[in-house]
Protein backbone atom coordinates (compact mmCIF):
# COMPACT_ATOMS: atom_id res chain seq x y z
CA MET A 1 -12.20 4.66 0.83
CA ASN A 2 -13.46 1.61 -1.07
CA GLU A 3 -14.84 3.80 -3.89
CA PHE A 4 -11.51 5.63 -3.97
CA LEU A 5 -9.68 2.30 -4.23
CA SER A 6 -12.01 1.17 -7.03
CA LYS A 7 -11.18 4.32 -9.02
CA ILE A 8 -7.45 3.69 -8.53
CA LEU A 9 -7.74 0.03 -9.54
CA GLU A 10 -9.64 1.02 -12.67
CA ILE A 11 -6.72 3.26 -13.73
CA LEU A 12 -4.09 0.64 -12.88
CA LYS A 13 -5.96 -1.95 -14.94
CA LYS A 14 -5.44 0.22 -18.05
CA LEU A 15 -1.69 -0.31 -17.57
CA ASN A 16 -2.10 -4.04 -16.82
CA ILE A 17 -0.80 -3.48 -13.29
CA LYS A 18 -1.79 -5.98 -10.62
CA PRO A 19 -1.23 -3.85 -7.52
CA ILE A 20 -0.46 -4.86 -3.95
CA ILE A 21 -2.57 -3.13 -1.30
CA TYR A 22 -0.15 -2.26 1.46
CA GLY A 23 0.04 -0.27 4.70
CA SER A 24 -2.75 0.10 7.22
CA PHE A 25 -5.43 0.00 4.53
CA GLY A 26 -4.14 -3.45 3.55
CA VAL A 27 -4.12 -4.51 7.20
CA ALA A 28 -7.81 -3.54 7.35
CA ASN A 29 -8.45 -6.57 5.12
CA TYR A 30 -8.03 -8.54 8.36
CA LEU A 31 -8.75 -6.09 11.17
CA GLY A 32 -11.65 -4.22 9.60
CA ASP A 33 -11.85 -0.44 9.67
CA PHE A 34 -9.79 -0.08 12.84
CA LYS A 35 -9.04 3.61 12.19
CA ASP A 36 -9.79 6.54 9.91
CA PHE A 37 -7.55 6.01 6.92
CA GLU A 38 -5.59 9.00 5.71
CA ASP A 39 -4.32 7.31 2.56
CA ILE A 40 -3.88 4.11 0.62
CA ASP A 41 -0.43 2.67 0.01
CA ILE A 42 -0.03 0.61 -3.15
CA LEU A 43 2.95 -1.33 -4.42
CA ILE A 44 3.45 -1.66 -8.16
CA GLU A 45 6.05 -2.80 -10.66
CA ASP A 46 9.30 -0.88 -10.46
CA GLU A 47 9.10 0.25 -14.08
CA PHE A 48 6.12 2.52 -13.30
CA ILE A 49 8.06 4.24 -10.52
CA ASN A 50 11.07 4.72 -12.80
CA GLU A 51 11.21 4.53 -16.58
CA ARG A 52 7.42 4.62 -17.16
CA TRP A 53 6.73 7.20 -14.44
CA GLU A 54 5.71 9.95 -16.89
CA GLU A 55 3.13 7.70 -18.55
CA PHE A 56 1.86 6.58 -15.14
CA ARG A 57 1.66 10.15 -13.79
CA LYS A 58 -0.13 11.49 -16.86
CA LEU A 59 -2.75 8.75 -16.71
CA PHE A 60 -3.60 9.64 -13.11
CA GLU A 61 -3.59 13.36 -13.81
CA ALA A 62 -5.93 12.78 -16.77
CA ARG A 63 -8.37 11.24 -14.23
CA GLU A 64 -8.21 14.41 -12.08
CA PHE A 65 -5.68 13.11 -9.54
CA SER A 66 -3.21 15.79 -8.43
CA LEU A 67 0.41 14.90 -7.91
CA ILE A 68 1.23 16.24 -4.43
CA ASN A 69 4.61 14.62 -3.76
CA GLU A 70 6.61 13.35 -6.71
CA LYS A 71 9.40 11.90 -4.55
CA GLU A 72 6.84 9.73 -2.71
CA HIS A 73 4.76 9.16 -5.87
CA GLU A 74 1.74 10.48 -4.00
CA PHE A 75 -1.49 11.73 -5.55
CA GLU A 76 -4.66 13.28 -4.14
CA PHE A 77 -8.23 13.04 -5.36
CA ASN A 78 -11.15 14.70 -3.54
CA GLY A 79 -9.15 15.02 -0.33
CA LYS A 80 -7.98 11.39 -0.33
CA LYS A 81 -4.39 10.34 -0.93
CA VAL A 82 -2.70 7.39 -2.59
CA GLY A 83 1.01 6.69 -2.57
CA PHE A 84 2.86 4.28 -4.82
CA ALA A 85 6.12 2.42 -4.24
CA SER A 86 7.97 -0.46 -5.86
CA LYS A 87 6.73 -3.91 -4.96
CA ASN A 88 10.37 -5.03 -4.88
CA ILE A 89 10.68 -3.60 -1.35
CA LEU A 90 8.87 -6.71 -0.10
CA ILE A 91 11.72 -8.94 -1.24
CA ARG A 92 14.49 -6.43 -0.52
CA ASP A 93 13.29 -6.07 3.09
CA LYS A 94 12.80 -9.87 3.39
CA ILE A 95 9.07 -9.56 4.08
CA ILE A 96 8.33 -12.28 1.53
CA ASN A 97 10.51 -14.70 -0.44
CA ASP A 98 8.61 -14.32 -3.70
CA PHE A 99 5.38 -12.84 -5.00
CA SER A 100 3.55 -16.18 -5.04
CA GLU A 101 3.07 -15.69 -1.26
CA LEU A 102 0.65 -12.81 -1.87
CA ILE A 103 -3.10 -13.34 -1.67
CA GLN A 104 -6.07 -11.72 -3.38
CA TYR A 105 -7.37 -8.51 -1.81
CA LYS A 106 -11.11 -8.91 -1.27
CA ASN A 107 -13.00 -9.23 -4.58
CA THR A 108 -10.59 -7.09 -6.58
CA ASN A 109 -7.85 -7.49 -9.13
CA ALA A 110 -5.34 -6.60 -6.42
CA LEU A 111 -3.13 -8.55 -4.07
CA THR A 112 -2.12 -8.07 -0.45
CA LEU A 113 0.01 -9.64 2.26
CA THR A 114 -0.97 -12.31 4.73
CA PRO A 115 -1.46 -11.15 8.34
CA GLU A 116 1.88 -12.73 9.25
CA ASP A 117 3.66 -10.82 6.49
CA PHE A 118 2.01 -7.56 7.54
CA LEU A 119 3.30 -8.26 11.05
CA LYS A 120 6.83 -8.70 9.64
CA THR A 121 6.39 -5.44 7.72
CA TYR A 122 5.39 -3.43 10.75
CA LYS A 123 8.09 -4.97 12.95
CA PHE A 124 10.62 -4.04 10.26
CA SER A 125 9.25 -0.51 9.89
CA VAL A 126 9.45 0.37 13.59
CA LYS A 127 13.25 0.25 13.19
CA ASP A 128 13.17 2.98 10.51
CA GLY A 129 14.21 6.43 11.78
CA TYR A 130 11.46 8.33 9.95
CA ARG A 131 8.73 6.00 11.16
CA ILE A 132 10.02 5.97 14.74
CA ASN A 133 9.71 9.75 14.86
CA THR A 134 6.39 10.09 13.01
CA ARG A 135 4.42 6.88 13.51
CA GLY A 136 6.07 4.97 16.36
CA LYS A 137 3.08 4.51 18.68
CA LYS A 138 0.60 4.02 15.83
CA ASP A 139 2.78 1.29 14.28
CA LYS A 140 3.18 -0.44 17.65
CA ASP A 141 -0.62 -0.40 18.08
CA ILE A 142 -1.04 -2.07 14.69
CA ILE A 143 1.56 -4.70 15.67
CA LYS A 144 -0.44 -5.52 18.83
CA LYS A 145 -3.68 -5.76 16.84
CA LEU A 146 -2.08 -8.05 14.26
CA GLU A 147 -0.57 -10.28 16.96
CA THR A 148 -3.99 -10.62 18.59
CA TYR A 149 -5.61 -11.38 15.23
CA ILE A 150 -3.03 -14.04 14.35
CA ILE A 151 -3.37 -15.78 17.73
CA LYS A 152 -7.18 -16.14 17.32
């Protein structure tokens, strides 16, 4: 997945996007490869999800990524998936107060959350109807792992 992420980051750099690595792949920054990752979730500036979506989509498609779910802004490349969402959800959902709380993701040009903020994210998400029905136990397992990590 790291090569896949590198390819994505290379494309995002062309648009001067500093992405936020999110979801379980972002959590792996702290917990290591605690599972087989099905996808990478990335948060980006709202403008690329909305008014600049066509430009964004075409750039990924030009690099042989296939759009598989436009509503979820999800692409596939060689059997691996990446989904994009607006970084503003972090503030809207009160996960962080402002973007200065984010930290660098490994040795990349990307950012991610602190373990404590990932914990807030997963505790928030287990209240969501869709996630309760599709990921309930998996999300609760990640919460337990994060709590153990933070206590150490």
